[in-house]
Protein backbone atom coordinates (compact mmCIF):
# COMPACT_ATOMS: atom_id res chain seq x y z
CA MET A 1 -0.24 -0.10 -0.16
CA LYS A 2 1.60 3.62 -0.77
CA ILE A 3 1.92 5.97 1.75
CA ILE A 4 1.31 9.38 0.93
CA TRP A 5 3.42 12.26 2.50
CA GLU A 6 3.49 15.85 2.87
CA MET A 7 5.22 17.19 0.10
CA VAL A 8 6.80 20.62 1.64
CA ALA A 9 9.04 23.76 -0.38
CA LEU A 10 12.44 23.25 0.02
CA GLU A 11 12.13 27.42 1.06
CA LYS A 12 10.20 26.10 4.53
CA LEU A 13 12.87 23.58 5.45
CA GLY A 14 16.16 25.96 5.44
CA LYS A 15 18.17 27.71 3.88
CA ILE A 16 19.25 27.86 0.03
CA THR A 17 21.77 29.94 -1.05
CA SER A 18 25.13 30.54 -2.73
CA SER A 19 28.72 31.48 -1.78
CA LYS A 20 30.20 34.78 -1.98
CA ARG A 21 32.05 36.26 -5.29
CA ILE A 22 35.78 34.61 -5.53
CA PHE A 23 37.57 35.97 -8.30
CA LYS A 24 40.66 34.66 -10.43
CA SER A 25 42.62 36.95 -8.98
CA GLU A 26 42.60 35.89 -5.39
CA TYR A 27 43.55 32.38 -6.56
CA VAL A 28 47.34 31.08 -4.49
CA ASP A 29 49.44 27.95 -4.93
CA THR A 30 48.25 26.77 -1.78
CA GLY A 31 45.74 27.42 0.96
CA VAL A 32 42.10 26.29 1.52
CA PRO A 33 40.83 24.32 -1.64
CA PHE A 34 38.26 25.97 -3.94
CA TYR A 35 35.75 23.91 -6.15
CA ARG A 36 34.00 24.58 -8.90
CA THR A 37 30.97 22.40 -10.68
CA LYS A 38 34.02 20.23 -12.03
CA GLU A 39 34.94 19.05 -8.70
CA ILE A 40 31.34 19.01 -6.97
CA LYS A 41 30.92 16.90 -9.42
CA GLU A 42 33.67 14.59 -8.91
CA LEU A 43 33.38 14.21 -4.97
CA ALA A 44 29.59 13.89 -5.34
CA ASN A 45 30.73 10.59 -7.09
CA GLY A 46 33.14 9.89 -4.69
CA ARG A 47 35.63 10.52 -7.13
CA THR A 48 39.25 12.29 -6.41
CA ILE A 49 39.83 16.06 -6.98
CA SER A 50 41.44 16.42 -10.15
CA THR A 51 42.04 20.01 -10.31
CA GLU A 52 43.78 21.35 -7.57
CA LEU A 53 42.85 25.40 -6.84
CA TYR A 54 43.28 27.28 -3.47
CA ILE A 55 42.41 30.69 -1.89
CA SER A 56 44.24 31.87 0.98
CA GLN A 57 43.67 30.84 4.55
CA ASN A 58 43.11 34.59 5.48
CA ARG A 59 39.83 35.10 2.75
CA PHE A 60 38.59 32.09 3.96
CA ASP A 61 38.89 32.76 7.54
CA GLU A 62 37.48 36.25 6.33
CA ILE A 63 34.35 34.77 4.47
CA LYS A 64 33.33 32.15 7.24
CA ARG A 65 33.63 35.02 10.22
CA LYS A 66 31.17 37.80 8.35
CA PHE A 67 28.90 34.70 5.88
CA GLY A 68 29.56 31.30 6.90
CA THR A 69 31.02 28.23 4.97
CA PRO A 70 29.80 25.02 4.64
CA GLU A 71 29.23 22.59 7.81
CA ILE A 72 29.43 19.07 7.77
CA GLY A 73 25.89 17.89 6.84
CA ASP A 74 25.38 20.72 4.47
CA LEU A 75 24.20 19.69 0.58
CA LEU A 76 25.94 21.19 -2.64
CA ILE A 77 24.23 21.13 -5.33
CA THR A 78 25.26 21.25 -9.11
CA ALA A 79 24.04 24.23 -10.60
CA ILE A 80 25.35 24.80 -14.31
CA GLY A 81 25.39 22.33 -17.15
CA THR A 82 24.92 19.26 -15.31
CA ILE A 83 22.41 19.79 -13.01
CA GLY A 84 21.62 17.70 -9.44
CA GLU A 85 24.85 16.30 -8.85
CA ILE A 86 24.67 16.40 -4.96
CA TYR A 87 27.32 16.30 -2.22
CA VAL A 88 27.19 16.11 1.30
CA VAL A 89 29.80 18.00 2.82
CA ASP A 90 32.01 16.01 5.10
CA ASN A 91 35.12 18.24 5.44
CA THR A 92 34.56 21.92 6.52
CA ASN A 93 38.24 22.98 4.55
CA PHE A 94 36.95 24.29 1.46
CA TYR A 95 34.79 27.29 0.02
CA PHE A 96 33.16 27.06 -3.67
CA LYS A 97 32.21 28.60 -6.61
CA ASP A 98 29.39 31.14 -6.85
CA GLY A 99 26.18 30.44 -9.22
CA ASN A 100 27.51 27.14 -10.67
CA VAL A 101 26.87 25.21 -6.71
CA LEU A 102 23.88 26.11 -4.72
CA TRP A 103 24.44 24.98 -1.07
CA LEU A 104 21.54 23.67 0.53
CA LYS A 105 22.43 24.32 4.93
CA ASP A 106 20.45 24.98 8.23
CA PHE A 107 17.57 22.09 7.40
CA ARG A 108 15.30 20.94 10.15
CA ASP A 109 13.83 18.34 10.52
CA ILE A 110 15.74 16.54 7.59
CA ASP A 111 18.03 13.94 7.80
CA SER A 112 20.93 14.92 4.99
CA TYR A 113 21.13 11.63 3.10
CA PHE A 114 17.35 11.65 2.97
CA LEU A 115 17.20 15.33 1.57
CA LYS A 116 19.99 14.35 -1.40
CA TYR A 117 17.74 11.14 -1.74
CA SER A 118 14.72 13.25 -2.41
CA LEU A 119 16.31 15.17 -4.63
CA MET A 120 17.85 12.28 -6.82
CA ALA A 121 14.60 11.06 -7.38
CA PHE A 122 12.97 13.69 -8.79
CA ILE A 123 15.87 15.01 -11.23
CA ASP A 124 13.92 14.85 -13.71
CA GLN A 125 11.66 17.80 -12.13
CA LEU A 126 15.31 19.52 -11.43
CA ASN A 127 16.02 19.56 -14.76
CA GLY A 128 12.42 20.17 -15.90
CA ILE A 129 13.21 23.34 -13.87
CA SER A 130 16.58 24.73 -15.43
CA HIS A 131 16.46 27.11 -18.04
CA GLY A 132 19.22 28.36 -20.78
CA SER A 133 20.33 27.43 -23.94
CA ALA A 134 24.10 26.87 -24.28
CA TYR A 135 24.44 26.12 -20.74
CA GLN A 136 21.55 24.88 -18.42
CA ALA A 137 20.79 26.60 -15.41
CA LEU A 138 18.74 26.18 -12.24
CA PRO A 139 17.98 28.74 -10.75
CA ILE A 140 18.26 29.47 -6.98
CA GLU A 141 14.21 30.97 -6.50
CA LYS A 142 12.53 27.77 -8.28
CA LEU A 143 14.64 25.45 -6.72
CA LYS A 144 13.36 27.51 -2.83
CA ARG A 145 9.89 26.43 -4.45
CA HIS A 146 10.37 22.88 -5.36
CA LYS A 147 9.11 20.10 -3.26
CA ILE A 148 10.07 16.74 -1.82
CA PRO A 149 8.19 14.03 0.62
CA LYS A 150 8.35 15.19 4.46
CA PRO A 151 8.22 11.27 6.38
CA PRO A 152 8.64 11.94 10.18
CA LEU A 153 12.69 11.93 10.95
CA PRO A 154 12.56 7.79 11.90
CA GLU A 155 11.02 6.73 8.36
CA GLN A 156 13.64 8.88 6.98
CA LYS A 157 16.38 7.38 8.70
CA ARG A 158 15.00 3.69 7.85
CA ILE A 159 14.76 4.70 3.93
CA VAL A 160 18.13 6.03 3.87
CA ALA A 161 19.90 2.70 5.67
CA ILE A 162 17.88 0.43 3.00
CA LEU A 163 18.62 2.73 0.12
CA ASP A 164 22.49 2.78 1.08
CA GLU A 165 22.74 -0.82 1.22
CA ALA A 166 20.59 -0.65 -2.15
CA PHE A 167 23.07 1.42 -3.87
CA GLU A 168 26.44 -0.11 -2.34
CA GLY A 169 26.24 -2.80 -5.07
CA ILE A 170 24.88 -0.80 -7.88
CA ASP A 171 27.57 1.68 -7.39
CA ARG A 172 30.11 -0.93 -7.08
CA ALA A 173 28.75 -2.52 -10.32
CA ILE A 174 28.79 0.62 -11.93
CA ALA A 175 32.03 1.34 -10.75
CA ASN A 176 33.16 -1.79 -12.36
CA ALA A 177 31.60 -1.37 -15.58
CA GLU A 178 33.04 1.83 -15.72
CA LYS A 179 36.66 0.52 -15.22
CA ASN A 180 35.50 -1.97 -17.94
CA LEU A 181 35.03 0.72 -20.05
CA SER A 182 38.05 2.25 -19.74
CA ASN A 183 40.44 -0.43 -20.11
CA SER A 184 38.39 -0.94 -23.40
CA ARG A 185 39.74 2.35 -24.57
CA GLU A 186 43.10 2.08 -23.07
CA LEU A 187 43.60 -1.33 -24.79
CA PHE A 188 42.94 0.21 -28.93
CA GLU A 189 44.77 3.40 -27.89
CA SER A 190 47.69 1.50 -26.23
CA TYR A 191 47.48 -0.62 -29.26
CA LEU A 192 47.11 2.17 -32.05
CA ASN A 193 49.96 4.19 -29.89
CA ALA A 194 52.38 1.24 -29.97
CA ILE A 195 51.95 0.80 -34.05
CA PHE A 196 52.93 4.14 -35.00
CA THR A 197 55.32 4.91 -32.78
CA GLN A 198 57.79 1.75 -33.97
CA LYS A 199 60.36 2.65 -35.88
CA ASN A 200 60.13 0.55 -38.45
CA ASN A 201 63.43 0.70 -41.12
CA ARG A 202 60.82 1.21 -43.60
CA TRP A 203 59.31 4.05 -42.20
CA GLU A 204 60.17 7.57 -42.95
CA TRP A 205 59.40 10.11 -40.43
CA VAL A 206 58.43 13.44 -41.87
CA SER A 207 56.26 16.28 -41.24
CA LEU A 208 53.20 16.19 -41.64
CA SER A 209 53.01 18.80 -44.22
CA GLU A 210 54.77 16.49 -46.52
CA ILE A 211 51.86 13.56 -46.46
CA THR A 212 49.19 16.34 -47.33
CA THR A 213 48.45 18.80 -50.27
CA ASP A 214 46.87 21.37 -47.97
CA ILE A 215 46.90 22.19 -43.64
CA THR A 216 44.52 25.18 -43.28
CA ASP A 217 41.59 26.47 -40.98
CA GLY A 218 38.56 28.31 -40.92
CA ASP A 219 37.89 31.99 -41.41
CA HIS A 220 39.02 34.49 -39.25
CA GLN A 221 36.42 36.88 -39.81
CA PRO A 222 33.19 36.82 -38.11
CA PRO A 223 30.78 35.27 -40.51
CA PRO A 224 27.63 36.88 -41.49
CA LYS A 225 23.96 34.99 -40.71
CA SER A 226 21.00 33.86 -42.09
CA GLN A 227 17.90 32.02 -41.99
CA SER A 228 19.20 29.62 -44.50
CA GLY A 229 22.05 28.39 -46.58
CA ILE A 230 25.24 27.14 -45.59
CA PRO A 231 25.93 25.27 -42.80
CA PHE A 232 28.58 26.92 -40.22
CA ILE A 233 29.97 24.56 -37.24
CA THR A 234 31.99 25.62 -34.64
CA ILE A 235 34.06 23.51 -32.14
CA SER A 236 30.75 22.89 -29.92
CA ASN A 237 29.81 21.13 -33.22
CA ILE A 238 32.19 18.40 -32.58
CA ASP A 239 31.38 15.24 -30.84
CA LYS A 240 34.29 14.40 -28.87
CA GLN A 241 33.61 10.57 -28.44
CA ASN A 242 32.52 9.90 -31.47
CA ARG A 243 34.67 12.07 -33.74
CA LYS A 244 31.16 13.45 -36.03
CA VAL A 245 30.47 16.60 -36.86
CA ASP A 246 26.98 17.34 -35.32
CA PHE A 247 25.00 19.33 -37.82
CA SER A 248 21.76 19.21 -35.25
CA ASN A 249 22.66 22.95 -33.78
CA THR A 250 24.40 24.78 -36.58
CA PHE A 251 23.73 28.42 -38.04
CA LYS A 252 23.67 29.56 -41.47
CA VAL A 253 25.89 31.42 -43.73
CA PRO A 254 24.77 33.06 -47.36
CA PRO A 255 25.47 30.85 -50.14
CA GLU A 256 27.57 33.75 -51.81
CA TYR A 257 29.95 34.01 -48.77
CA PHE A 258 30.54 30.35 -48.73
CA GLU A 259 31.32 30.33 -52.77
CA LYS A 260 34.23 33.08 -51.71
CA LEU A 261 36.18 30.71 -49.52
CA LYS A 262 39.06 29.73 -50.85
CA SER A 263 38.62 25.96 -52.26
CA ASN A 264 40.91 24.85 -49.13
CA ARG A 265 38.68 26.23 -46.68
CA LYS A 266 35.46 24.14 -47.91
CA PRO A 267 35.68 20.84 -46.35
CA ARG A 268 34.69 18.17 -48.97
CA LYS A 269 34.75 14.37 -48.71
CA GLY A 270 38.23 12.78 -47.40
CA ASP A 271 39.49 15.78 -45.76
CA LEU A 272 40.16 15.32 -41.82
CA LEU A 273 39.08 18.11 -39.84
CA TYR A 274 41.10 18.54 -36.41
CA THR A 275 40.17 20.41 -33.73
CA VAL A 276 42.99 23.48 -32.69
CA THR A 277 41.56 25.38 -29.91
CA GLY A 278 40.49 24.45 -26.43
CA SER A 279 39.78 20.36 -26.80
CA TYR A 280 42.31 20.28 -29.58
CA GLY A 281 43.49 16.75 -30.97
CA ILE A 282 40.32 15.52 -32.03
CA PRO A 283 40.26 14.18 -35.68
CA VAL A 284 37.06 13.72 -37.51
CA ILE A 285 36.96 12.52 -41.33
CA VAL A 286 34.95 14.09 -43.33
CA ASP A 287 32.52 11.22 -44.92
CA HIS A 288 29.93 13.09 -46.83
CA ASP A 289 29.50 15.23 -49.63
CA ILE A 290 27.46 17.61 -47.22
CA ASP A 291 28.57 21.49 -48.09
CA PHE A 292 29.84 23.35 -44.74
CA CYS A 293 32.22 25.95 -43.50
CA PHE A 294 33.85 26.24 -40.23
CA GLN A 295 35.75 28.42 -37.71
CA ARG A 296 39.44 28.96 -37.50
CA HIS A 297 39.52 26.90 -33.87
CA ILE A 298 39.03 23.82 -36.41
CA GLY A 299 41.85 22.84 -38.57
CA LEU A 300 41.21 21.07 -42.38
CA ILE A 301 43.78 18.71 -43.14
CA ARG A 302 44.20 17.39 -46.66
CA PRO A 303 45.70 14.24 -47.44
CA ASN A 304 47.93 13.49 -50.81
CA ALA A 305 47.40 10.90 -53.16
CA GLU A 306 49.71 8.48 -51.14
CA THR A 307 48.09 9.11 -47.66
CA ASN A 308 45.26 6.82 -46.99
CA LEU A 309 42.71 9.04 -45.64
CA LYS A 310 41.50 5.96 -42.53
CA CYS A 311 45.38 5.74 -41.92
CA LEU A 312 46.11 9.22 -41.15
CA TYR A 313 42.74 9.52 -39.15
CA TYR A 314 44.30 6.59 -36.90
CA ILE A 315 47.53 8.89 -36.81
CA LEU A 316 46.26 11.93 -35.55
CA LEU A 317 44.22 9.64 -33.01
CA SER A 318 47.31 8.07 -31.32
CA ARG A 319 48.79 9.45 -28.22
CA TYR A 320 52.16 10.19 -30.03
CA LEU A 321 50.55 13.06 -32.06
CA LEU A 322 48.23 13.96 -28.87
CA THR A 323 51.29 14.38 -26.91
CA GLN A 324 53.21 16.75 -30.32
CA ALA A 325 49.79 18.83 -29.62
CA ASP A 326 50.29 19.09 -25.81
CA GLU A 327 53.54 20.21 -26.66
CA CYS A 328 52.89 23.12 -29.45
CA ALA A 329 49.84 24.29 -27.74
CA THR A 330 49.67 27.76 -26.45
CA GLY A 331 48.08 30.40 -24.79
CA THR A 332 46.37 30.53 -20.88
CA ALA A 333 42.38 30.96 -21.43
CA GLN A 334 42.35 28.44 -24.21
CA LYS A 335 45.17 26.28 -25.37
CA THR A 336 45.97 26.71 -29.09
CA VAL A 337 47.68 24.44 -31.62
CA SER A 338 49.02 26.89 -34.09
CA LEU A 339 49.00 25.70 -37.60
CA SER A 340 52.66 26.32 -38.21
CA GLY A 341 52.96 23.38 -35.33
CA LEU A 342 50.48 21.22 -36.91
CA ARG A 343 52.56 21.57 -39.95
CA ARG A 344 55.58 20.37 -38.09
CA PHE A 345 54.31 17.49 -36.32
CA SER A 346 56.52 14.11 -36.81
CA VAL A 347 54.24 11.45 -38.29
CA PRO A 348 55.69 8.30 -39.90
CA LYS A 349 55.56 7.88 -44.16
CA ILE A 350 54.44 4.22 -44.60
CA PRO A 351 54.26 2.61 -47.99
CA LYS A 352 50.54 2.49 -49.25
CA GLU A 353 50.15 -0.91 -49.33
CA GLN A 354 50.92 -0.92 -45.80
CA GLN A 355 49.08 1.44 -44.41
CA GLU A 356 45.33 -0.37 -45.64
CA ILE A 357 46.94 -3.63 -44.13
CA ILE A 358 47.16 -1.01 -40.80
CA VAL A 359 44.04 0.36 -41.54
CA THR A 360 42.25 -3.11 -41.93
CA GLU A 361 43.78 -4.14 -38.49
CA LEU A 362 42.71 -0.84 -36.80
CA ASP A 363 38.84 -1.36 -37.57
CA ALA A 364 38.22 -4.92 -36.47
CA LEU A 365 40.59 -3.95 -33.43
CA SER A 366 37.87 -0.84 -33.08
CA GLU A 367 34.70 -2.48 -34.51
CA LYS A 368 35.44 -5.52 -31.74
CA ILE A 369 36.13 -2.60 -29.04
CA GLY A 370 32.70 -0.61 -30.06
CA ARG A 371 31.06 -3.85 -29.54
CA LEU A 372 32.60 -3.88 -25.88
CA GLU A 373 31.41 -0.42 -25.04
CA SER A 374 28.50 -0.83 -26.01
CA ILE A 375 27.81 -3.54 -23.90
CA TYR A 376 28.92 -1.72 -20.75
CA HIS A 377 27.07 1.31 -21.51
CA GLN A 378 23.49 -0.60 -21.52
CA LYS A 379 24.78 -2.42 -18.72
CA ILE A 380 25.49 1.20 -17.33
CA ALA A 381 22.42 2.41 -18.02
CA ALA A 382 20.47 -0.27 -16.74
CA LEU A 383 22.53 0.09 -13.75
CA LYS A 384 21.47 3.60 -13.47
CA GLU A 385 17.53 2.81 -14.43
CA LEU A 386 17.61 0.12 -11.58
CA LYS A 387 18.53 3.02 -9.31
CA GLN A 388 16.03 5.50 -9.95
CA SER A 389 13.40 2.94 -9.77
CA ILE A 390 14.26 2.11 -6.27
CA LEU A 391 14.42 5.79 -5.72
CA GLN A 392 10.61 6.52 -6.76
CA LYS A 393 9.72 3.69 -4.90
CA ALA A 394 11.14 4.80 -1.68
CA PHE A 395 9.45 8.29 -2.16
CA THR A 396 6.01 6.46 -3.10
CA GLY A 397 6.03 4.63 0.77
CA GLU A 398 6.89 1.31 -1.39
CA LEU A 399 9.98 0.41 -0.20
CA THR A 400 10.91 -2.59 2.27
CA ALA A 401 13.60 -4.33 3.81
CA ASP A 402 13.87 -6.95 0.78
CA THR A 403 14.78 -4.12 -1.30
CA PRO A 404 18.61 -4.70 -1.33
CA LYS A 405 18.42 -8.34 -1.24
CA ALA A 406 16.14 -7.48 -4.32
CA ALA A 407 18.95 -5.36 -5.99
CA LYS A 408 21.70 -7.68 -5.88
CA GLU A 409 19.38 -10.27 -7.66
CA GLU A 410 19.00 -8.07 -10.16
CA ILE A 411 22.46 -7.09 -10.48
CA ALA A 412 23.91 -10.80 -11.00
CA ALA A 413 20.87 -11.41 -13.46
């Protein structure tokens, strides 16, 4: 029998606020850790912090004295980009970025982990109250009005205990699947790198410009926009995982603008795109005849007649070439690989018949790895759906003491 609990707005249960503004000029080399959305997401998922930023101890003490800092049991929830990653504070020696992360504190008659689980159960509603086009954002005022169920405190603790037990096995299974997914990618990358770093006596090592006819980039001038015409892609239209062009959200430029571009700035089937700014080092094969143009943050590489397109793609995908990109990338806000640096990349000049053999081998391995990745992705998705299903039961009064056992059986199935 379902139990119906009172639904209460979050602002009736405690305070929802954010931090005080911290400027980049206030970052220091050592001191009190300073977290952004990225770090809060890592903490929420039990991962090690990968980026370390700090503010001074004096600045932290000043903020703590005047405005307060997170306390044990407070909740921090990501509010920009990925909405609803929730960290229950278990360490008070840090501060966080304003706006990007919302701070839930001073809650009354609510267990911190019950609050976290209740927000996770209604994550779709949280995403529904977010707004923004380029980046999704969770407005603080709407979060304040978001309602959650409020059973008696002993019932909250009973629910948390059951969910903790059930989710321990699910989270472990998800971590194992993610590790297997990572291992499969590392296997392909390792094999790929080994092929192109072996100093085969038959291979001459030359600059990238010697095995191509053109290495250029997009127009450096702001393009004119139009309601219809030729798609204009930016670096955000490059699917980083699949290394494909996503044409679903591009703006258009007039056909006459496109026609005036030089031929080596008009991608054609058989070319390679290569990201050179920000998320640099991503090769993309142009495998279609769609007319489009692109911004200067993307390079165009046109292989010569003796260079197999797919082999060049795999070379550029290798860790050996990415290391060269890392070494020549310059800039502070956004690292950029210059065209001159790209043209100087050291690459193997492989006989054409051997290029074809390499492509056949790598295509076969890539297909096998792709099948494994698909299995792992499906496993992870199923486990997350199981977790969400259990959460829904928890907040409609259907959770029982047998739930963890049932979850284990479903994981093993």
